[in-house]
All heavy atoms as atom14 arrays in JSON, in Angstrom:
{
  "sequence": "TLDHNLDLLGNLGLFQGLGCPLLLGVSRKS",
  "atom14_mask": [
    [1, 1, 1, 1, 1, 1, 1, 0, 0, 0, 0, 0, 0, 0],
    [1, 1, 1, 1, 1, 1, 1, 1, 0, 0, 0, 0, 0, 0],
    [1, 1, 1, 1, 1, 1, 1, 1, 0, 0, 0, 0, 0, 0],
    [1, 1, 1, 1, 1, 1, 1, 1, 1, 1, 0, 0, 0, 0],
    [1, 1, 1, 1, 1, 1, 1, 1, 0, 0, 0, 0, 0, 0],
    [1, 1, 1, 1, 1, 1, 1, 1, 0, 0, 0, 0, 0, 0],
    [1, 1, 1, 1, 1, 1, 1, 1, 0, 0, 0, 0, 0, 0],
    [1, 1, 1, 1, 1, 1, 1, 1, 0, 0, 0, 0, 0, 0],
    [1, 1, 1, 1, 1, 1, 1, 1, 0, 0, 0, 0, 0, 0],
    [1, 1, 1, 1, 0, 0, 0, 0, 0, 0, 0, 0, 0, 0],
    [1, 1, 1, 1, 1, 1, 1, 1, 0, 0, 0, 0, 0, 0],
    [1, 1, 1, 1, 1, 1, 1, 1, 0, 0, 0, 0, 0, 0],
    [1, 1, 1, 1, 0, 0, 0, 0, 0, 0, 0, 0, 0, 0],
    [1, 1, 1, 1, 1, 1, 1, 1, 0, 0, 0, 0, 0, 0],
    [1, 1, 1, 1, 1, 1, 1, 1, 1, 1, 1, 0, 0, 0],
    [1, 1, 1, 1, 1, 1, 1, 1, 1, 0, 0, 0, 0, 0],
    [1, 1, 1, 1, 0, 0, 0, 0, 0, 0, 0, 0, 0, 0],
    [1, 1, 1, 1, 1, 1, 1, 1, 0, 0, 0, 0, 0, 0],
    [1, 1, 1, 1, 0, 0, 0, 0, 0, 0, 0, 0, 0, 0],
    [1, 1, 1, 1, 1, 1, 0, 0, 0, 0, 0, 0, 0, 0],
    [1, 1, 1, 1, 1, 1, 1, 0, 0, 0, 0, 0, 0, 0],
    [1, 1, 1, 1, 1, 1, 1, 1, 0, 0, 0, 0, 0, 0],
    [1, 1, 1, 1, 1, 1, 1, 1, 0, 0, 0, 0, 0, 0],
    [1, 1, 1, 1, 1, 1, 1, 1, 0, 0, 0, 0, 0, 0],
    [1, 1, 1, 1, 0, 0, 0, 0, 0, 0, 0, 0, 0, 0],
    [1, 1, 1, 1, 1, 1, 1, 0, 0, 0, 0, 0, 0, 0],
    [1, 1, 1, 1, 1, 1, 0, 0, 0, 0, 0, 0, 0, 0],
    [1, 1, 1, 1, 1, 1, 1, 1, 1, 1, 1, 0, 0, 0],
    [1, 1, 1, 1, 1, 1, 1, 1, 1, 0, 0, 0, 0, 0],
    [1, 1, 1, 1, 1, 1, 0, 0, 0, 0, 0, 0, 0, 0]
  ],
  "atom14_positions": [
    [[97.9, 100.38, 118.64], [98.01, 100.91, 119.87], [98.66, 102.25, 119.82], [99.33, 102.64, 118.77], [98.68, 99.96, 120.83], [100.04, 99.78, 120.44], [97.96, 98.61, 120.81], [0.0, 0.0, 0.0], [0.0, 0.0, 0.0], [0.0, 0.0, 0.0], [0.0, 0.0, 0.0], [0.0, 0.0, 0.0], [0.0, 0.0, 0.0], [0.0, 0.0, 0.0]],
    [[98.82, 102.87, 120.93], [99.55, 104.12, 121.05], [101.02, 103.86, 120.63], [101.65, 104.64, 119.85], [99.53, 104.8, 122.37], [100.38, 105.91, 122.65], [100.02, 107.09, 121.77], [100.32, 106.4, 124.06], [0.0, 0.0, 0.0], [0.0, 0.0, 0.0], [0.0, 0.0, 0.0], [0.0, 0.0, 0.0], [0.0, 0.0, 0.0], [0.0, 0.0, 0.0]],
    [[101.58, 102.8, 121.11], [102.96, 102.44, 120.85], [103.15, 102.29, 119.32], [104.2, 102.69, 118.76], [103.44, 101.31, 121.68], [103.72, 101.65, 123.13], [103.83, 102.93, 123.37], [103.77, 100.72, 123.91], [0.0, 0.0, 0.0], [0.0, 0.0, 0.0], [0.0, 0.0, 0.0], [0.0, 0.0, 0.0], [0.0, 0.0, 0.0], [0.0, 0.0, 0.0]],
    [[102.28, 101.49, 118.73], [102.35, 101.32, 117.3], [102.36, 102.59, 116.6], [103.08, 102.84, 115.56], [101.06, 100.43, 116.92], [101.09, 99.04, 117.38], [99.9, 98.38, 117.62], [102.22, 98.27, 117.73], [100.31, 97.15, 118.11], [101.66, 97.07, 118.2], [0.0, 0.0, 0.0], [0.0, 0.0, 0.0], [0.0, 0.0, 0.0], [0.0, 0.0, 0.0]],
    [[101.36, 103.5, 116.92], [101.21, 104.89, 116.17], [102.53, 105.61, 116.35], [102.96, 106.28, 115.45], [100.03, 105.61, 116.77], [98.71, 104.96, 116.36], [98.53, 104.47, 115.25], [97.72, 105.02, 117.29], [0.0, 0.0, 0.0], [0.0, 0.0, 0.0], [0.0, 0.0, 0.0], [0.0, 0.0, 0.0], [0.0, 0.0, 0.0], [0.0, 0.0, 0.0]],
    [[103.07, 105.61, 117.59], [104.18, 106.45, 117.77], [105.47, 105.98, 117.03], [106.3, 106.62, 116.5], [104.57, 106.62, 119.27], [103.57, 107.35, 120.12], [103.85, 107.49, 121.61], [103.31, 108.74, 119.56], [0.0, 0.0, 0.0], [0.0, 0.0, 0.0], [0.0, 0.0, 0.0], [0.0, 0.0, 0.0], [0.0, 0.0, 0.0], [0.0, 0.0, 0.0]],
    [[105.52, 104.57, 117.0], [106.65, 104.04, 116.26], [106.52, 104.2, 114.78], [107.57, 104.55, 114.16], [106.54, 102.36, 116.51], [107.97, 101.7, 116.31], [108.83, 102.39, 116.18], [107.99, 100.53, 116.44], [0.0, 0.0, 0.0], [0.0, 0.0, 0.0], [0.0, 0.0, 0.0], [0.0, 0.0, 0.0], [0.0, 0.0, 0.0], [0.0, 0.0, 0.0]],
    [[105.4, 104.31, 114.19], [105.18, 104.63, 112.85], [105.5, 106.03, 112.53], [106.22, 106.39, 111.58], [103.72, 104.34, 112.47], [103.31, 102.85, 112.3], [101.82, 102.63, 112.22], [104.06, 102.17, 111.04], [0.0, 0.0, 0.0], [0.0, 0.0, 0.0], [0.0, 0.0, 0.0], [0.0, 0.0, 0.0], [0.0, 0.0, 0.0], [0.0, 0.0, 0.0]],
    [[105.06, 106.98, 113.44], [105.25, 108.43, 113.19], [106.77, 108.65, 113.25], [107.22, 109.57, 112.64], [104.53, 109.15, 114.3], [103.07, 109.44, 113.99], [102.35, 110.04, 115.17], [102.82, 110.35, 112.73], [0.0, 0.0, 0.0], [0.0, 0.0, 0.0], [0.0, 0.0, 0.0], [0.0, 0.0, 0.0], [0.0, 0.0, 0.0], [0.0, 0.0, 0.0]],
    [[107.52, 107.92, 114.08], [108.97, 108.17, 114.3], [109.87, 107.49, 113.23], [111.02, 107.77, 113.23], [0.0, 0.0, 0.0], [0.0, 0.0, 0.0], [0.0, 0.0, 0.0], [0.0, 0.0, 0.0], [0.0, 0.0, 0.0], [0.0, 0.0, 0.0], [0.0, 0.0, 0.0], [0.0, 0.0, 0.0], [0.0, 0.0, 0.0], [0.0, 0.0, 0.0]],
    [[109.21, 106.79, 112.38], [109.99, 106.12, 111.37], [109.34, 106.06, 109.97], [109.43, 105.09, 109.26], [110.2, 104.62, 111.77], [110.98, 104.42, 113.01], [112.17, 104.43, 113.02], [110.26, 104.27, 114.24], [0.0, 0.0, 0.0], [0.0, 0.0, 0.0], [0.0, 0.0, 0.0], [0.0, 0.0, 0.0], [0.0, 0.0, 0.0], [0.0, 0.0, 0.0]],
    [[108.76, 107.27, 109.69], [107.98, 107.39, 108.45], [108.94, 107.2, 107.21], [108.51, 106.68, 106.14], [107.34, 108.62, 108.31], [106.09, 108.92, 109.22], [105.51, 110.35, 109.15], [105.05, 107.91, 108.79], [0.0, 0.0, 0.0], [0.0, 0.0, 0.0], [0.0, 0.0, 0.0], [0.0, 0.0, 0.0], [0.0, 0.0, 0.0], [0.0, 0.0, 0.0]],
    [[110.16, 107.51, 107.29], [111.12, 107.5, 106.21], [111.25, 106.1, 105.67], [111.58, 105.81, 104.49], [0.0, 0.0, 0.0], [0.0, 0.0, 0.0], [0.0, 0.0, 0.0], [0.0, 0.0, 0.0], [0.0, 0.0, 0.0], [0.0, 0.0, 0.0], [0.0, 0.0, 0.0], [0.0, 0.0, 0.0], [0.0, 0.0, 0.0], [0.0, 0.0, 0.0]],
    [[111.07, 105.13, 106.49], [111.15, 103.68, 106.09], [110.26, 103.47, 104.87], [110.61, 102.68, 103.93], [110.77, 102.71, 107.24], [110.56, 101.27, 106.93], [111.82, 100.56, 106.74], [109.81, 100.57, 107.94], [0.0, 0.0, 0.0], [0.0, 0.0, 0.0], [0.0, 0.0, 0.0], [0.0, 0.0, 0.0], [0.0, 0.0, 0.0], [0.0, 0.0, 0.0]],
    [[109.05, 104.02, 104.98], [108.07, 103.77, 103.88], [108.39, 104.47, 102.55], [107.68, 104.04, 101.51], [106.55, 104.12, 104.35], [106.25, 103.39, 105.6], [106.43, 103.83, 106.82], [105.72, 102.04, 105.42], [106.08, 103.16, 107.9], [105.46, 101.34, 106.6], [105.52, 101.95, 107.87], [0.0, 0.0, 0.0], [0.0, 0.0, 0.0], [0.0, 0.0, 0.0]],
    [[109.29, 105.3, 102.55], [109.77, 105.93, 101.25], [110.46, 104.91, 100.35], [110.56, 104.97, 99.22], [110.71, 107.03, 101.46], [110.13, 108.16, 102.17], [109.06, 109.01, 101.39], [108.9, 108.67, 100.23], [108.27, 109.77, 102.04], [0.0, 0.0, 0.0], [0.0, 0.0, 0.0], [0.0, 0.0, 0.0], [0.0, 0.0, 0.0], [0.0, 0.0, 0.0]],
    [[110.83, 103.74, 101.01], [111.48, 102.7, 100.19], [110.47, 102.04, 99.29], [110.85, 101.31, 98.49], [0.0, 0.0, 0.0], [0.0, 0.0, 0.0], [0.0, 0.0, 0.0], [0.0, 0.0, 0.0], [0.0, 0.0, 0.0], [0.0, 0.0, 0.0], [0.0, 0.0, 0.0], [0.0, 0.0, 0.0], [0.0, 0.0, 0.0], [0.0, 0.0, 0.0]],
    [[109.26, 102.29, 99.48], [108.16, 101.59, 98.52], [108.11, 102.54, 97.34], [107.43, 101.94, 96.39], [106.8, 101.65, 99.28], [106.8, 100.56, 100.38], [105.57, 100.77, 101.28], [106.87, 99.19, 99.91], [0.0, 0.0, 0.0], [0.0, 0.0, 0.0], [0.0, 0.0, 0.0], [0.0, 0.0, 0.0], [0.0, 0.0, 0.0], [0.0, 0.0, 0.0]],
    [[108.65, 103.71, 97.15], [108.66, 104.49, 96.05], [107.4, 105.19, 95.66], [107.14, 105.5, 94.45], [0.0, 0.0, 0.0], [0.0, 0.0, 0.0], [0.0, 0.0, 0.0], [0.0, 0.0, 0.0], [0.0, 0.0, 0.0], [0.0, 0.0, 0.0], [0.0, 0.0, 0.0], [0.0, 0.0, 0.0], [0.0, 0.0, 0.0], [0.0, 0.0, 0.0]],
    [[106.54, 105.39, 96.63], [105.21, 106.01, 96.34], [105.05, 107.26, 97.22], [105.86, 107.35, 98.19], [103.98, 105.01, 96.79], [104.01, 103.52, 95.97], [0.0, 0.0, 0.0], [0.0, 0.0, 0.0], [0.0, 0.0, 0.0], [0.0, 0.0, 0.0], [0.0, 0.0, 0.0], [0.0, 0.0, 0.0], [0.0, 0.0, 0.0], [0.0, 0.0, 0.0]],
    [[104.3, 108.23, 96.75], [103.95, 109.33, 97.74], [103.33, 108.88, 98.96], [102.66, 107.84, 98.99], [102.94, 110.18, 96.9], [103.08, 109.75, 95.43], [103.54, 108.42, 95.44], [0.0, 0.0, 0.0], [0.0, 0.0, 0.0], [0.0, 0.0, 0.0], [0.0, 0.0, 0.0], [0.0, 0.0, 0.0], [0.0, 0.0, 0.0], [0.0, 0.0, 0.0]],
    [[103.7, 109.57, 100.11], [103.29, 108.99, 101.41], [102.26, 110.09, 101.97], [102.5, 111.25, 102.1], [104.59, 109.0, 102.25], [104.23, 108.66, 103.77], [103.63, 107.31, 103.89], [105.55, 108.65, 104.55], [0.0, 0.0, 0.0], [0.0, 0.0, 0.0], [0.0, 0.0, 0.0], [0.0, 0.0, 0.0], [0.0, 0.0, 0.0], [0.0, 0.0, 0.0]],
    [[101.1, 109.57, 102.28], [100.02, 110.31, 102.86], [100.0, 110.15, 104.42], [100.18, 108.91, 104.85], [98.72, 109.97, 102.34], [97.38, 110.82, 102.72], [96.39, 110.93, 101.64], [96.86, 110.26, 104.04], [0.0, 0.0, 0.0], [0.0, 0.0, 0.0], [0.0, 0.0, 0.0], [0.0, 0.0, 0.0], [0.0, 0.0, 0.0], [0.0, 0.0, 0.0]],
    [[99.99, 111.11, 105.21], [99.91, 111.09, 106.68], [98.55, 111.7, 107.16], [98.31, 112.82, 106.83], [101.13, 111.73, 107.25], [101.24, 111.67, 108.79], [101.39, 110.23, 109.19], [102.34, 112.59, 109.28], [0.0, 0.0, 0.0], [0.0, 0.0, 0.0], [0.0, 0.0, 0.0], [0.0, 0.0, 0.0], [0.0, 0.0, 0.0], [0.0, 0.0, 0.0]],
    [[97.79, 110.82, 107.8], [96.62, 111.35, 108.49], [96.62, 111.24, 110.02], [96.47, 110.19, 110.57], [0.0, 0.0, 0.0], [0.0, 0.0, 0.0], [0.0, 0.0, 0.0], [0.0, 0.0, 0.0], [0.0, 0.0, 0.0], [0.0, 0.0, 0.0], [0.0, 0.0, 0.0], [0.0, 0.0, 0.0], [0.0, 0.0, 0.0], [0.0, 0.0, 0.0]],
    [[96.91, 112.41, 110.64], [97.07, 112.48, 112.08], [96.14, 113.5, 112.67], [95.97, 113.54, 113.94], [98.44, 112.77, 112.46], [99.49, 111.65, 112.17], [98.94, 114.13, 111.8], [0.0, 0.0, 0.0], [0.0, 0.0, 0.0], [0.0, 0.0, 0.0], [0.0, 0.0, 0.0], [0.0, 0.0, 0.0], [0.0, 0.0, 0.0], [0.0, 0.0, 0.0]],
    [[95.37, 114.09, 111.92], [94.44, 115.23, 112.27], [93.5, 114.91, 113.53], [92.71, 114.14, 113.23], [93.78, 115.8, 111.1], [93.06, 117.0, 111.63], [0.0, 0.0, 0.0], [0.0, 0.0, 0.0], [0.0, 0.0, 0.0], [0.0, 0.0, 0.0], [0.0, 0.0, 0.0], [0.0, 0.0, 0.0], [0.0, 0.0, 0.0], [0.0, 0.0, 0.0]],
    [[93.73, 115.46, 114.66], [92.77, 115.38, 115.85], [92.58, 113.92, 116.34], [91.68, 113.71, 117.02], [91.43, 116.01, 115.54], [91.54, 117.43, 114.96], [90.13, 117.87, 114.69], [89.97, 119.24, 114.08], [88.9, 119.79, 113.65], [87.75, 119.17, 113.82], [88.9, 120.89, 113.09], [0.0, 0.0, 0.0], [0.0, 0.0, 0.0], [0.0, 0.0, 0.0]],
    [[93.58, 113.01, 115.98], [93.41, 111.59, 116.33], [93.58, 111.33, 117.73], [94.25, 112.15, 118.53], [94.16, 110.82, 115.37], [93.6, 110.7, 113.91], [94.18, 109.58, 113.15], [93.51, 109.42, 111.81], [94.12, 108.55, 110.85], [0.0, 0.0, 0.0], [0.0, 0.0, 0.0], [0.0, 0.0, 0.0], [0.0, 0.0, 0.0], [0.0, 0.0, 0.0]],
    [[93.04, 110.18, 118.18], [93.06, 109.96, 119.58], [94.3, 109.7, 120.23], [94.54, 109.72, 121.47], [92.19, 108.7, 119.88], [92.69, 107.49, 119.28], [0.0, 0.0, 0.0], [0.0, 0.0, 0.0], [0.0, 0.0, 0.0], [0.0, 0.0, 0.0], [0.0, 0.0, 0.0], [0.0, 0.0, 0.0], [0.0, 0.0, 0.0], [0.0, 0.0, 0.0]]
  ]
}
């Protein structure tokens, strides 16, 4: 949902704990 997306975008640093390059795909999305 929108809230899910905003929560993820606001907390991307969390996923650096997985130790992998992080790809973000937000281009023109709804």
